[in-house]
Amino acid sequence: MTLLFDFFGDILTKKQREYFDLYHNENLSLSEIADMDGITKQGVDDILSRAESKLLTIESKTGIIGKWLSMRTGLEHAGSIARELLNRCTGDGNTAGLASELADALEELKGQV
């Protein structure tokens, strides 16, 4: 849920974002949130349910997070191959240099994704 929130949280209303953050990130209970805002526990649950449903619907329609996770996994795998190639390079400075550049480039890409 927090990954969904990180990607799509801006589409939620201010109240939905606030309650989502309190519940999922701050680990407050429904009762604690309700007491803070002077509403019922059911009211908090309804707002959270609508927010979570909205986030899940967007992901199911776009698949953005699934694609992002797949890309990160692919970059991690490519990086490990590049590091293994670098470890196997002996005596060839050019090949070792290229392997090192590749490993660095993949690590930089992984940091951006």
Protein backbone atom coordinates (compact mmCIF):
# COMPACT_ATOMS: atom_id res chain seq x y z
CA MET A 1 0.00 0.00 0.00
CA THR A 2 2.77 2.46 0.78
CA LEU A 3 4.30 1.88 -2.65
CA LEU A 4 0.92 2.66 -4.21
CA PHE A 5 0.76 5.78 -2.07
CA ASP A 6 4.26 6.84 -3.13
CA PHE A 7 3.32 6.55 -6.80
CA PHE A 8 -0.27 7.75 -6.81
CA GLY A 9 -0.88 9.53 -3.49
CA ASP A 10 -1.36 12.89 -5.18
CA ILE A 11 -4.68 11.78 -6.66
CA LEU A 12 -6.18 11.30 -3.21
CA THR A 13 -8.03 14.04 -1.38
CA LYS A 14 -6.21 15.85 1.39
CA LYS A 15 -8.19 13.93 4.03
CA GLN A 16 -7.53 10.59 2.34
CA ARG A 17 -3.78 11.34 2.17
CA GLU A 18 -3.74 12.40 5.82
CA TYR A 19 -5.57 9.32 7.08
CA PHE A 20 -3.59 7.01 4.81
CA ASP A 21 -0.33 8.40 6.15
CA LEU A 22 -1.46 8.16 9.77
CA TYR A 23 -2.70 4.60 9.36
CA HIS A 24 -0.08 3.04 7.06
CA ASN A 25 3.03 5.09 7.82
CA GLU A 26 2.53 6.27 11.41
CA ASN A 27 0.83 3.01 12.46
CA LEU A 28 -2.05 4.72 14.24
CA SER A 29 -5.20 2.69 14.77
CA LEU A 30 -8.57 3.59 13.30
CA SER A 31 -9.72 4.57 16.79
CA GLU A 32 -6.72 6.83 17.36
CA ILE A 33 -7.29 8.61 14.05
CA ALA A 34 -11.01 8.93 14.76
CA ASP A 35 -10.33 10.41 18.20
CA MET A 36 -7.87 12.93 16.75
CA ASP A 37 -10.37 14.15 14.17
CA GLY A 38 -13.57 13.80 16.16
CA ILE A 39 -15.25 11.31 13.83
CA THR A 40 -16.26 7.69 14.16
CA LYS A 41 -13.97 4.76 13.65
CA GLN A 42 -16.27 3.69 10.79
CA GLY A 43 -15.84 7.10 9.20
CA VAL A 44 -12.07 6.70 9.19
CA ASP A 45 -12.40 3.18 7.81
CA ASP A 46 -14.65 4.42 4.99
CA ILE A 47 -12.18 7.15 4.00
CA LEU A 48 -9.26 4.70 4.07
CA SER A 49 -11.20 2.09 2.09
CA ARG A 50 -12.05 4.61 -0.64
CA ALA A 51 -8.43 5.78 -0.78
CA GLU A 52 -7.05 2.24 -0.99
CA SER A 53 -9.61 1.29 -3.62
CA LYS A 54 -8.70 4.34 -5.71
CA LEU A 55 -4.99 3.48 -5.52
CA LEU A 56 -5.55 -0.18 -6.41
CA THR A 57 -7.81 0.75 -9.33
CA ILE A 58 -5.22 3.07 -10.82
CA GLU A 59 -2.49 0.44 -10.54
CA SER A 60 -4.72 -2.24 -12.06
CA LYS A 61 -5.46 0.04 -15.02
CA THR A 62 -1.91 1.30 -15.58
CA GLY A 63 0.38 -1.44 -14.27
CA ILE A 64 2.98 1.23 -13.56
CA ILE A 65 4.23 -0.24 -10.29
CA GLY A 66 4.48 -3.73 -11.77
CA LYS A 67 6.52 -2.35 -14.66
CA TRP A 68 8.68 -0.35 -12.25
CA LEU A 69 9.37 -3.39 -10.08
CA SER A 70 10.22 -5.45 -13.16
CA MET A 71 12.60 -2.76 -14.40
CA ARG A 72 14.35 -2.55 -11.01
CA THR A 73 14.73 -6.33 -10.91
CA GLY A 74 16.16 -6.33 -14.44
CA LEU A 75 18.61 -3.56 -13.59
CA GLU A 76 19.73 -5.38 -10.44
CA HIS A 77 20.28 -8.57 -12.45
CA ALA A 78 22.19 -6.74 -15.19
CA GLY A 79 24.30 -5.03 -12.51
CA SER A 80 25.21 -8.32 -10.90
CA ILE A 81 26.22 -9.70 -14.30
CA ALA A 82 28.37 -6.61 -14.94
CA ARG A 83 30.05 -7.00 -11.53
CA GLU A 84 30.70 -10.69 -12.20
CA LEU A 85 32.18 -9.79 -15.59
CA LEU A 86 34.41 -7.23 -13.88
CA ASN A 87 35.56 -9.86 -11.37
CA ARG A 88 36.48 -12.23 -14.21
CA CYS A 89 38.47 -9.65 -16.18
CA THR A 90 42.13 -10.41 -15.63
CA GLY A 91 44.94 -8.70 -17.43
CA ASP A 92 42.74 -6.84 -19.92
CA GLY A 93 42.48 -3.26 -18.73
CA ASN A 94 40.13 -2.22 -21.55
CA THR A 95 37.61 -4.96 -20.85
CA ALA A 96 37.80 -4.36 -17.10
CA GLY A 97 37.30 -0.64 -17.66
CA LEU A 98 34.24 -1.25 -19.82
CA ALA A 99 32.80 -3.71 -17.30
CA SER A 100 33.34 -1.17 -14.54
CA GLU A 101 31.65 1.59 -16.55
CA LEU A 102 28.73 -0.72 -17.29
CA ALA A 103 28.33 -1.66 -13.63
CA ASP A 104 28.43 2.03 -12.63
CA ALA A 105 25.93 3.03 -15.32
CA LEU A 106 23.51 0.29 -14.26
CA GLU A 107 23.83 1.28 -10.60
CA GLU A 108 23.10 4.90 -11.53
CA LEU A 109 20.03 3.86 -13.53
CA LYS A 110 18.79 1.72 -10.65
CA GLY A 111 19.06 4.77 -8.37
CA GLN A 112 16.90 6.79 -10.75
CA VAL A 113 14.18 4.16 -11.08
